[in-house]
Amino acid sequence: MKKFTYILVVLFLFSLGMLASENSYAKGKSMHEEKECVDLLNSKRKHKGIHPLRWDASSRLQAAAEKRAKELEIKFSHTRPNGRDCNSVLKEYSIR
């Protein structure tokens, strides 16, 4: 279950990275928006009796998600620009 949660969070953060423009990252707005999204998600989870997700902007998971989001700007595919599988970014950051 823990592995599934990691994958779900990574996908969520990837989607945030894809939606945020380069300018918002440069201005630091993205971090605030990401936190807001996690807070909204957690309010829905609380309503359904599910434990909240923890969000840490300095985590390895966040760093992996940001790297993958930047890669998706170059090549929108399950294959990374370096030719490896999309999940290989998790191994690079010792998540899997």
PDB file of N, CA and C in Angstrom:
ATOM      1  N   MET A   1       0.827  -1.197   0.000  1.00  0.00           N
ATOM      2  CA  MET A   1       0.000   0.000   0.000  1.00  0.00           C
ATOM      3  C   MET A   1       0.868   1.256   0.000  1.00  0.00           C
ATOM      4  N   LYS A   2       1.989   1.214   0.736  1.00  0.00           N
ATOM      5  CA  LYS A   2       2.870   2.367   0.811  1.00  0.00           C
ATOM      6  C   LYS A   2       3.454   2.695  -0.573  1.00  0.00           C
ATOM      7  N   LYS A   3       3.817   1.665  -1.327  1.00  0.00           N
ATOM      8  CA  LYS A   3       4.367   1.850  -2.663  1.00  0.00           C
ATOM      9  C   LYS A   3       3.324   2.492  -3.582  1.00  0.00           C
ATOM     10  N   PHE A   4       2.078   2.026  -3.470  1.00  0.00           N
ATOM     11  CA  PHE A   4       0.989   2.579  -4.268  1.00  0.00           C
ATOM     12  C   PHE A   4       0.791   4.056  -3.941  1.00  0.00           C
ATOM     13  N   THR A   5       0.855   4.412  -2.664  1.00  0.00           N
ATOM     14  CA  THR A   5       0.694   5.801  -2.253  1.00  0.00           C
ATOM     15  C   THR A   5       1.805   6.656  -2.832  1.00  0.00           C
ATOM     16  N   TYR A   6       3.053   6.166  -2.804  1.00  0.00           N
ATOM     17  CA  TYR A   6       4.164   6.899  -3.401  1.00  0.00           C
ATOM     18  C   TYR A   6       3.919   7.159  -4.884  1.00  0.00           C
ATOM     19  N   ILE A   7       3.496   6.132  -5.589  1.00  0.00           N
ATOM     20  CA  ILE A   7       3.253   6.271  -7.031  1.00  0.00           C
ATOM     21  C   ILE A   7       2.130   7.264  -7.279  1.00  0.00           C
ATOM     22  N   LEU A   8       1.075   7.195  -6.479  1.00  0.00           N
ATOM     23  CA  LEU A   8      -0.040   8.118  -6.627  1.00  0.00           C
ATOM     24  C   LEU A   8       0.403   9.558  -6.391  1.00  0.00           C
ATOM     25  N   VAL A   9       1.201   9.772  -5.363  1.00  0.00           N
ATOM     26  CA  VAL A   9       1.691  11.117  -5.055  1.00  0.00           C
ATOM     27  C   VAL A   9       2.609  11.606  -6.167  1.00  0.00           C
ATOM     28  N   VAL A  10       3.471  10.749  -6.676  1.00  0.00           N
ATOM     29  CA  VAL A  10       4.365  11.140  -7.769  1.00  0.00           C
ATOM     30  C   VAL A  10       3.552  11.565  -8.978  1.00  0.00           C
ATOM     31  N   LEU A  11       2.551  10.785  -9.330  1.00  0.00           N
ATOM     32  CA  LEU A  11       1.708  11.142 -10.468  1.00  0.00           C
ATOM     33  C   LEU A  11       1.007  12.469 -10.231  1.00  0.00           C
ATOM     34  N   PHE A  12       0.541  12.690  -9.028  1.00  0.00           N
ATOM     35  CA  PHE A  12      -0.119  13.943  -8.674  1.00  0.00           C
ATOM     36  C   PHE A  12       0.849  15.116  -8.839  1.00  0.00           C
ATOM     37  N   LEU A  13       2.063  14.950  -8.320  1.00  0.00           N
ATOM     38  CA  LEU A  13       3.046  16.027  -8.422  1.00  0.00           C
ATOM     39  C   LEU A  13       3.499  16.242  -9.859  1.00  0.00           C
ATOM     40  N   PHE A  14       3.594  15.166 -10.637  1.00  0.00           N
ATOM     41  CA  PHE A  14       3.919  15.317 -12.057  1.00  0.00           C
ATOM     42  C   PHE A  14       2.871  16.175 -12.734  1.00  0.00           C
ATOM     43  N   SER A  15       1.605  15.901 -12.438  1.00  0.00           N
ATOM     44  CA  SER A  15       0.547  16.664 -13.087  1.00  0.00           C
ATOM     45  C   SER A  15       0.615  18.129 -12.676  1.00  0.00           C
ATOM     46  N   LEU A  16       0.983  18.410 -11.442  1.00  0.00           N
ATOM     47  CA  LEU A  16       1.148  19.795 -11.014  1.00  0.00           C
ATOM     48  C   LEU A  16       2.285  20.459 -11.774  1.00  0.00           C
ATOM     49  N   GLY A  17       3.363  19.743 -11.942  1.00  0.00           N
ATOM     50  CA  GLY A  17       4.501  20.287 -12.677  1.00  0.00           C
ATOM     51  C   GLY A  17       4.145  20.577 -14.116  1.00  0.00           C
ATOM     52  N   MET A  18       3.324  19.731 -14.714  1.00  0.00           N
ATOM     53  CA  MET A  18       2.923  19.942 -16.098  1.00  0.00           C
ATOM     54  C   MET A  18       2.000  21.143 -16.220  1.00  0.00           C
ATOM     55  N   LEU A  19       1.179  21.402 -15.217  1.00  0.00           N
ATOM     56  CA  LEU A  19       0.233  22.502 -15.282  1.00  0.00           C
ATOM     57  C   LEU A  19       0.872  23.846 -14.954  1.00  0.00           C
ATOM     58  N   ALA A  20       1.923  23.821 -14.173  1.00  0.00           N
ATOM     59  CA  ALA A  20       2.581  25.075 -13.784  1.00  0.00           C
ATOM     60  C   ALA A  20       3.489  25.561 -14.899  1.00  0.00           C
ATOM     61  N   SER A  21       3.441  26.828 -15.163  1.00  0.00           N
ATOM     62  CA  SER A  21       4.312  27.375 -16.201  1.00  0.00           C
ATOM     63  C   SER A  21       5.708  27.599 -15.640  1.00  0.00           C
ATOM     64  N   GLU A  22       6.668  27.766 -16.544  1.00  0.00           N
ATOM     65  CA  GLU A  22       8.041  28.025 -16.094  1.00  0.00           C
ATOM     66  C   GLU A  22       8.091  29.275 -15.239  1.00  0.00           C
ATOM     67  N   ASN A  23       7.326  30.283 -15.610  1.00  0.00           N
ATOM     68  CA  ASN A  23       7.331  31.538 -14.857  1.00  0.00           C
ATOM     69  C   ASN A  23       6.860  31.344 -13.431  1.00  0.00           C
ATOM     70  N   SER A  24       5.866  30.512 -13.222  1.00  0.00           N
ATOM     71  CA  SER A  24       5.387  30.324 -11.857  1.00  0.00           C
ATOM     72  C   SER A  24       6.441  29.618 -11.007  1.00  0.00           C
ATOM     73  N   TYR A  25       7.200  28.689 -11.601  1.00  0.00           N
ATOM     74  CA  TYR A  25       8.291  28.060 -10.865  1.00  0.00           C
ATOM     75  C   TYR A  25       9.343  29.094 -10.515  1.00  0.00           C
ATOM     76  N   ALA A  26       9.690  29.931 -11.494  1.00  0.00           N
ATOM     77  CA  ALA A  26      10.721  30.940 -11.280  1.00  0.00           C
ATOM     78  C   ALA A  26      10.318  31.911 -10.179  1.00  0.00           C
ATOM     79  N   LYS A  27       9.049  32.207 -10.086  1.00  0.00           N
ATOM     80  CA  LYS A  27       8.573  33.165  -9.092  1.00  0.00           C
ATOM     81  C   LYS A  27       8.245  32.507  -7.759  1.00  0.00           C
ATOM     82  N   GLY A  28       8.334  31.189  -7.695  1.00  0.00           N
ATOM     83  CA  GLY A  28       8.066  30.496  -6.447  1.00  0.00           C
ATOM     84  C   GLY A  28       6.585  30.303  -6.147  1.00  0.00           C
ATOM     85  N   LYS A  29       5.731  30.618  -7.097  1.00  0.00           N
ATOM     86  CA  LYS A  29       4.296  30.470  -6.876  1.00  0.00           C
ATOM     87  C   LYS A  29       3.885  29.003  -6.844  1.00  0.00           C
ATOM     88  N   SER A  30       4.607  28.185  -7.566  1.00  0.00           N
ATOM     89  CA  SER A  30       4.229  26.786  -7.703  1.00  0.00           C
ATOM     90  C   SER A  30       4.198  26.071  -6.357  1.00  0.00           C
ATOM     91  N   MET A  31       5.171  26.318  -5.507  1.00  0.00           N
ATOM     92  CA  MET A  31       5.224  25.646  -4.207  1.00  0.00           C
ATOM     93  C   MET A  31       3.953  25.920  -3.410  1.00  0.00           C
ATOM     94  N   HIS A  32       3.531  27.169  -3.424  1.00  0.00           N
ATOM     95  CA  HIS A  32       2.313  27.541  -2.701  1.00  0.00           C
ATOM     96  C   HIS A  32       1.105  26.836  -3.313  1.00  0.00           C
ATOM     97  N   GLU A  33       1.038  26.810  -4.634  1.00  0.00           N
ATOM     98  CA  GLU A  33      -0.083  26.162  -5.326  1.00  0.00           C
ATOM     99  C   GLU A  33      -0.098  24.659  -5.060  1.00  0.00           C
ATOM    100  N   GLU A  34       1.080  24.042  -5.038  1.00  0.00           N
ATOM    101  CA  GLU A  34       1.155  22.610  -4.751  1.00  0.00           C
ATOM    102  C   GLU A  34       0.656  22.319  -3.347  1.00  0.00           C
ATOM    103  N   LYS A  35       1.066  23.127  -2.397  1.00  0.00           N
ATOM    104  CA  LYS A  35       0.633  22.951  -1.008  1.00  0.00           C
ATOM    105  C   LYS A  35      -0.884  23.112  -0.909  1.00  0.00           C
ATOM    106  N   GLU A  36      -1.407  24.086  -1.633  1.00  0.00           N
ATOM    107  CA  GLU A  36      -2.851  24.314  -1.640  1.00  0.00           C
ATOM    108  C   GLU A  36      -3.600  23.095  -2.180  1.00  0.00           C
ATOM    109  N   CYS A  37      -3.086  22.513  -3.256  1.00  0.00           N
ATOM    110  CA  CYS A  37      -3.713  21.324  -3.850  1.00  0.00           C
ATOM    111  C   CYS A  37      -3.700  20.150  -2.875  1.00  0.00           C
ATOM    112  N   VAL A  38      -2.578  19.955  -2.203  1.00  0.00           N
ATOM    113  CA  VAL A  38      -2.487  18.860  -1.226  1.00  0.00           C
ATOM    114  C   VAL A  38      -3.460  19.114  -0.076  1.00  0.00           C
ATOM    115  N   ASP A  39      -3.576  20.366   0.356  1.00  0.00           N
ATOM    116  CA  ASP A  39      -4.525  20.696   1.427  1.00  0.00           C
ATOM    117  C   ASP A  39      -5.966  20.400   0.999  1.00  0.00           C
ATOM    118  N   LEU A  40      -6.313  20.743  -0.237  1.00  0.00           N
ATOM    119  CA  LEU A  40      -7.657  20.456  -0.752  1.00  0.00           C
ATOM    120  C   LEU A  40      -7.900  18.951  -0.829  1.00  0.00           C
ATOM    121  N   LEU A  41      -6.896  18.239  -1.321  1.00  0.00           N
ATOM    122  CA  LEU A  41      -6.999  16.789  -1.403  1.00  0.00           C
ATOM    123  C   LEU A  41      -7.178  16.183  -0.015  1.00  0.00           C
ATOM    124  N   ASN A  42      -6.424  16.686   0.947  1.00  0.00           N
ATOM    125  CA  ASN A  42      -6.524  16.171   2.315  1.00  0.00           C
ATOM    126  C   ASN A  42      -7.882  16.465   2.948  1.00  0.00           C
ATOM    127  N   SER A  43      -8.493  17.582   2.591  1.00  0.00           N
ATOM    128  CA  SER A  43      -9.821  17.862   3.140  1.00  0.00           C
ATOM    129  C   SER A  43     -10.826  16.831   2.615  1.00  0.00           C
ATOM    130  N   LYS A  44     -10.690  16.426   1.360  1.00  0.00           N
ATOM    131  CA  LYS A  44     -11.556  15.376   0.798  1.00  0.00           C
ATOM    132  C   LYS A  44     -11.256  14.030   1.453  1.00  0.00           C
ATOM    133  N   ARG A  45      -9.975  13.750   1.682  1.00  0.00           N
ATOM    134  CA  ARG A  45      -9.590  12.491   2.316  1.00  0.00           C
ATOM    135  C   ARG A  45     -10.145  12.430   3.745  1.00  0.00           C
ATOM    136  N   LYS A  46     -10.064  13.540   4.465  1.00  0.00           N
ATOM    137  CA  LYS A  46     -10.581  13.592   5.837  1.00  0.00           C
ATOM    138  C   LYS A  46     -12.081  13.333   5.842  1.00  0.00           C
ATOM    139  N   HIS A  47     -12.785  13.920   4.901  1.00  0.00           N
ATOM    140  CA  HIS A  47     -14.233  13.738   4.794  1.00  0.00           C
ATOM    141  C   HIS A  47     -14.584  12.263   4.573  1.00  0.00           C
ATOM    142  N   LYS A  48     -13.705  11.527   3.879  1.00  0.00           N
ATOM    143  CA  LYS A  48     -13.950  10.108   3.615  1.00  0.00           C
ATOM    144  C   LYS A  48     -13.321   9.202   4.670  1.00  0.00           C
ATOM    145  N   GLY A  49     -12.695   9.810   5.688  1.00  0.00           N
ATOM    146  CA  GLY A  49     -12.102   9.024   6.760  1.00  0.00           C
ATOM    147  C   GLY A  49     -10.749   8.419   6.410  1.00  0.00           C
ATOM    148  N   ILE A  50     -10.064   9.010   5.434  1.00  0.00           N
ATOM    149  CA  ILE A  50      -8.758   8.517   4.989  1.00  0.00           C
ATOM    150  C   ILE A  50      -7.673   9.414   5.591  1.00  0.00           C
ATOM    151  N   HIS A  51      -6.575   8.807   6.001  1.00  0.00           N
ATOM    152  CA  HIS A  51      -5.470   9.575   6.567  1.00  0.00           C
ATOM    153  C   HIS A  51      -4.946  10.599   5.561  1.00  0.00           C
ATOM    154  N   PRO A  52      -4.520  11.767   6.041  1.00  0.00           N
ATOM    155  CA  PRO A  52      -4.021  12.806   5.134  1.00  0.00           C
ATOM    156  C   PRO A  52      -2.654  12.454   4.552  1.00  0.00           C
ATOM    157  N   LEU A  53      -2.358  13.030   3.406  1.00  0.00           N
ATOM    158  CA  LEU A  53      -1.033  12.904   2.797  1.00  0.00           C
ATOM    159  C   LEU A  53      -0.130  13.971   3.393  1.00  0.00           C
ATOM    160  N   ARG A  54       1.136  13.657   3.526  1.00  0.00           N
ATOM    161  CA  ARG A  54       2.101  14.647   3.996  1.00  0.00           C
ATOM    162  C   ARG A  54       2.816  15.229   2.790  1.00  0.00           C
ATOM    163  N   TRP A  55       3.026  16.529   2.785  1.00  0.00           N
ATOM    164  CA  TRP A  55       3.704  17.201   1.695  1.00  0.00           C
ATOM    165  C   TRP A  55       4.944  17.881   2.248  1.00  0.00           C
ATOM    166  N   ASP A  56       6.078  17.586   1.634  1.00  0.00           N
ATOM    167  CA  ASP A  56       7.353  18.157   2.056  1.00  0.00           C
ATOM    168  C   ASP A  56       8.092  18.621   0.812  1.00  0.00           C
ATOM    169  N   ALA A  57       8.186  19.929   0.638  1.00  0.00           N
ATOM    170  CA  ALA A  57       8.803  20.499  -0.559  1.00  0.00           C
ATOM    171  C   ALA A  57      10.272  20.112  -0.697  1.00  0.00           C
ATOM    172  N   SER A  58      10.906  19.710   0.385  1.00  0.00           N
ATOM    173  CA  SER A  58      12.330  19.365   0.315  1.00  0.00           C
ATOM    174  C   SER A  58      12.559  17.859   0.221  1.00  0.00           C
ATOM    175  N   SER A  59      11.507  17.090   0.033  1.00  0.00           N
ATOM    176  CA  SER A  59      11.644  15.639   0.021  1.00  0.00           C
ATOM    177  C   SER A  59      12.251  15.123  -1.279  1.00  0.00           C
ATOM    178  N   ARG A  60      12.747  13.897  -1.207  1.00  0.00           N
ATOM    179  CA  ARG A  60      13.285  13.241  -2.415  1.00  0.00           C
ATOM    180  C   ARG A  60      12.175  13.037  -3.434  1.00  0.00           C
ATOM    181  N   LEU A  61      10.982  12.722  -2.941  1.00  0.00           N
ATOM    182  CA  LEU A  61       9.853  12.507  -3.831  1.00  0.00           C
ATOM    183  C   LEU A  61       9.526  13.782  -4.613  1.00  0.00           C
ATOM    184  N   GLN A  62       9.547  14.909  -3.925  1.00  0.00           N
ATOM    185  CA  GLN A  62       9.293  16.194  -4.582  1.00  0.00           C
ATOM    186  C   GLN A  62      10.361  16.477  -5.625  1.00  0.00           C
ATOM    187  N   ALA A  63      11.621  16.217  -5.280  1.00  0.00           N
ATOM    188  CA  ALA A  63      12.720  16.447  -6.217  1.00  0.00           C
ATOM    189  C   ALA A  63      12.581  15.559  -7.454  1.00  0.00           C
ATOM    190  N   ALA A  64      12.200  14.309  -7.238  1.00  0.00           N
ATOM    191  CA  ALA A  64      12.006  13.382  -8.360  1.00  0.00           C
ATOM    192  C   ALA A  64      10.850  13.851  -9.240  1.00  0.00           C
ATOM    193  N   ALA A  65       9.782  14.304  -8.614  1.00  0.00           N
ATOM    194  CA  ALA A  65       8.621  14.774  -9.370  1.00  0.00           C
ATOM    195  C   ALA A  65       8.965  16.011 -10.191  1.00  0.00           C
ATOM    196  N   GLU A  66       9.734  16.919  -9.615  1.00  0.00           N
ATOM    197  CA  GLU A  66      10.134  18.119 -10.349  1.00  0.00           C
ATOM    198  C   GLU A  66      11.031  17.766 -11.535  1.00  0.00           C
ATOM    199  N   LYS A  67      11.946  16.825 -11.322  1.00  0.00           N
ATOM    200  CA  LYS A  67      12.823  16.411 -12.412  1.00  0.00           C
ATOM    201  C   LYS A  67      12.012  15.802 -13.546  1.00  0.00           C
ATOM    202  N   ARG A  68      11.075  14.922 -13.182  1.00  0.00           N
ATOM    203  CA  ARG A  68      10.254  14.259 -14.197  1.00  0.00           C
ATOM    204  C   ARG A  68       9.355  15.259 -14.915  1.00  0.00           C
ATOM    205  N   ALA A  69       8.824  16.243 -14.203  1.00  0.00           N
ATOM    206  CA  ALA A  69       7.983  17.271 -14.828  1.00  0.00           C
ATOM    207  C   ALA A  69       8.776  18.051 -15.878  1.00  0.00           C
ATOM    208  N   LYS A  70      10.032  18.373 -15.552  1.00  0.00           N
ATOM    209  CA  LYS A  70      10.886  19.086 -16.521  1.00  0.00           C
ATOM    210  C   LYS A  70      11.165  18.205 -17.733  1.00  0.00           C
ATOM    211  N   GLU A  71      11.350  16.918 -17.498  1.00  0.00           N
ATOM    212  CA  GLU A  71      11.580  15.991 -18.609  1.00  0.00           C
ATOM    213  C   GLU A  71      10.355  15.899 -19.514  1.00  0.00           C
ATOM    214  N   LEU A  72       9.169  15.953 -18.911  1.00  0.00           N
ATOM    215  CA  LEU A  72       7.944  15.867 -19.693  1.00  0.00           C
ATOM    216  C   LEU A  72       7.758  17.075 -20.610  1.00  0.00           C
ATOM    217  N   GLU A  73       8.364  18.209 -20.237  1.00  0.00           N
ATOM    218  CA  GLU A  73       8.334  19.372 -21.114  1.00  0.00           C
ATOM    219  C   GLU A  73       9.158  19.106 -22.377  1.00  0.00           C
ATOM    220  N   ILE A  74      10.195  18.296 -22.241  1.00  0.00           N
ATOM    221  CA  ILE A  74      11.063  17.956 -23.377  1.00  0.00           C
ATOM    222  C   ILE A  74      10.433  16.854 -24.213  1.00  0.00           C
ATOM    223  N   LYS A  75       9.968  15.803 -23.538  1.00  0.00           N
ATOM    224  CA  LYS A  75       9.411  14.648 -24.232  1.00  0.00           C
ATOM    225  C   LYS A  75       8.259  14.100 -23.409  1.00  0.00           C
ATOM    226  N   PHE A  76       7.031  14.274 -23.903  1.00  0.00           N
ATOM    227  CA  PHE A  76       5.844  13.802 -23.198  1.00  0.00           C
ATOM    228  C   PHE A  76       5.634  12.332 -23.529  1.00  0.00           C
ATOM    229  N   SER A  77       6.188  11.480 -22.676  1.00  0.00           N
ATOM    230  CA  SER A  77       6.167  10.044 -22.942  1.00  0.00           C
ATOM    231  C   SER A  77       6.455   9.289 -21.651  1.00  0.00           C
ATOM    232  N   HIS A  78       6.139   7.984 -21.661  1.00  0.00           N
ATOM    233  CA  HIS A  78       6.519   7.131 -20.538  1.00  0.00           C
ATOM    234  C   HIS A  78       8.009   6.826 -20.582  1.00  0.00           C
ATOM    235  N   THR A  79       8.634   7.112 -21.706  1.00  0.00           N
ATOM    236  CA  THR A  79      10.083   6.947 -21.842  1.00  0.00           C
ATOM    237  C   THR A  79      10.730   8.301 -21.598  1.00  0.00           C
ATOM    238  N   ARG A  80      11.695   8.321 -20.704  1.00  0.00           N
ATOM    239  CA  ARG A  80      12.388   9.569 -20.375  1.00  0.00           C
ATOM    240  C   ARG A  80      13.292  10.002 -21.530  1.00  0.00           C
ATOM    241  N   PRO A  81      13.682  11.260 -21.573  1.00  0.00           N
ATOM    242  CA  PRO A  81      14.571  11.726 -22.640  1.00  0.00           C
ATOM    243  C   PRO A  81      15.871  10.926 -22.740  1.00  0.00           C
ATOM    244  N   ASN A  82      16.307  10.319 -21.624  1.00  0.00           N
ATOM    245  CA  ASN A  82      17.529   9.514 -21.645  1.00  0.00           C
ATOM    246  C   ASN A  82      17.270   8.080 -22.118  1.00  0.00           C
ATOM    247  N   GLY A  83      16.002   7.774 -22.493  1.00  0.00           N
ATOM    248  CA  GLY A  83      15.656   6.458 -23.006  1.00  0.00           C
ATOM    249  C   GLY A  83      15.194   5.457 -21.957  1.00  0.00           C
ATOM    250  N   ARG A  84      15.283   5.824 -20.705  1.00  0.00           N
ATOM    251  CA  ARG A  84      14.888   4.913 -19.630  1.00  0.00           C
ATOM    252  C   ARG A  84      13.393   5.031 -19.332  1.00  0.00           C
ATOM    253  N   ASP A  85      12.861   4.046 -18.599  1.00  0.00           N
ATOM    254  CA  ASP A  85      11.459   4.020 -18.201  1.00  0.00           C
ATOM    255  C   ASP A  85      11.164   5.186 -17.254  1.00  0.00           C
ATOM    256  N   CYS A  86       9.941   5.685 -17.293  1.00  0.00           N
ATOM    257  CA  CYS A  86       9.559   6.837 -16.475  1.00  0.00           C
ATOM    258  C   CYS A  86       9.750   6.608 -14.973  1.00  0.00           C
ATOM    259  N   ASN A  87       9.591   5.370 -14.520  1.00  0.00           N
ATOM    260  CA  ASN A  87       9.747   5.078 -13.090  1.00  0.00           C
ATOM    261  C   ASN A  87      11.195   5.046 -12.634  1.00  0.00           C
ATOM    262  N   SER A  88      12.130   5.074 -13.569  1.00  0.00           N
ATOM    263  CA  SER A  88      13.546   5.033 -13.182  1.00  0.00           C
ATOM    264  C   SER A  88      13.967   6.258 -12.397  1.00  0.00           C
ATOM    265  N   VAL A  89      13.222   7.353 -12.508  1.00  0.00           N
ATOM    266  CA  VAL A  89      13.542   8.541 -11.737  1.00  0.00           C
ATOM    267  C   VAL A  89      13.394   8.267 -10.235  1.00  0.00           C
ATOM    268  N   LEU A  90      12.468   7.390  -9.874  1.00  0.00           N
ATOM    269  CA  LEU A  90      12.281   7.051  -8.456  1.00  0.00           C
ATOM    270  C   LEU A  90      13.513   6.325  -7.907  1.00  0.00           C
ATOM    271  N   LYS A  91      14.082   5.461  -8.712  1.00  0.00           N
ATOM    272  CA  LYS A  91      15.288   4.740  -8.285  1.00  0.00           C
ATOM    273  C   LYS A  91      16.474   5.707  -8.129  1.00  0.00           C
ATOM    274  N   GLU A  92      16.562   6.696  -9.018  1.00  0.00           N
ATOM    275  CA  GLU A  92      17.645   7.684  -8.937  1.00  0.00           C
ATOM    276  C   GLU A  92      17.623   8.444  -7.612  1.00  0.00           C
ATOM    277  N   TYR A  93      16.446   8.633  -7.054  1.00  0.00           N
ATOM    278  CA  TYR A  93      16.309   9.369  -5.808  1.00  0.00           C
ATOM    279  C   TYR A  93      16.107   8.426  -4.615  1.00  0.00           C
ATOM    280  N   SER A  94      16.428   7.158  -4.804  1.00  0.00           N
ATOM    281  CA  SER A  94      16.333   6.141  -3.746  1.00  0.00           C
ATOM    282  C   SER A  94      14.944   6.041  -3.134  1.00  0.00           C
ATOM    283  N   ILE A  95      13.930   6.174  -3.963  1.00  0.00           N
ATOM    284  CA  ILE A  95      12.558   6.048  -3.487  1.00  0.00           C
ATOM    285  C   ILE A  95      12.090   4.611  -3.630  1.00  0.00           C
ATOM    286  N   ARG A  96      12.575   3.923  -4.644  1.00  0.00           N
ATOM    287  CA  ARG A  96      12.222   2.521  -4.886  1.00  0.00           C
ATOM    288  C   ARG A  96      13.456   1.682  -4.889  1.00  0.00           C
TER     289      ARG A  96
END
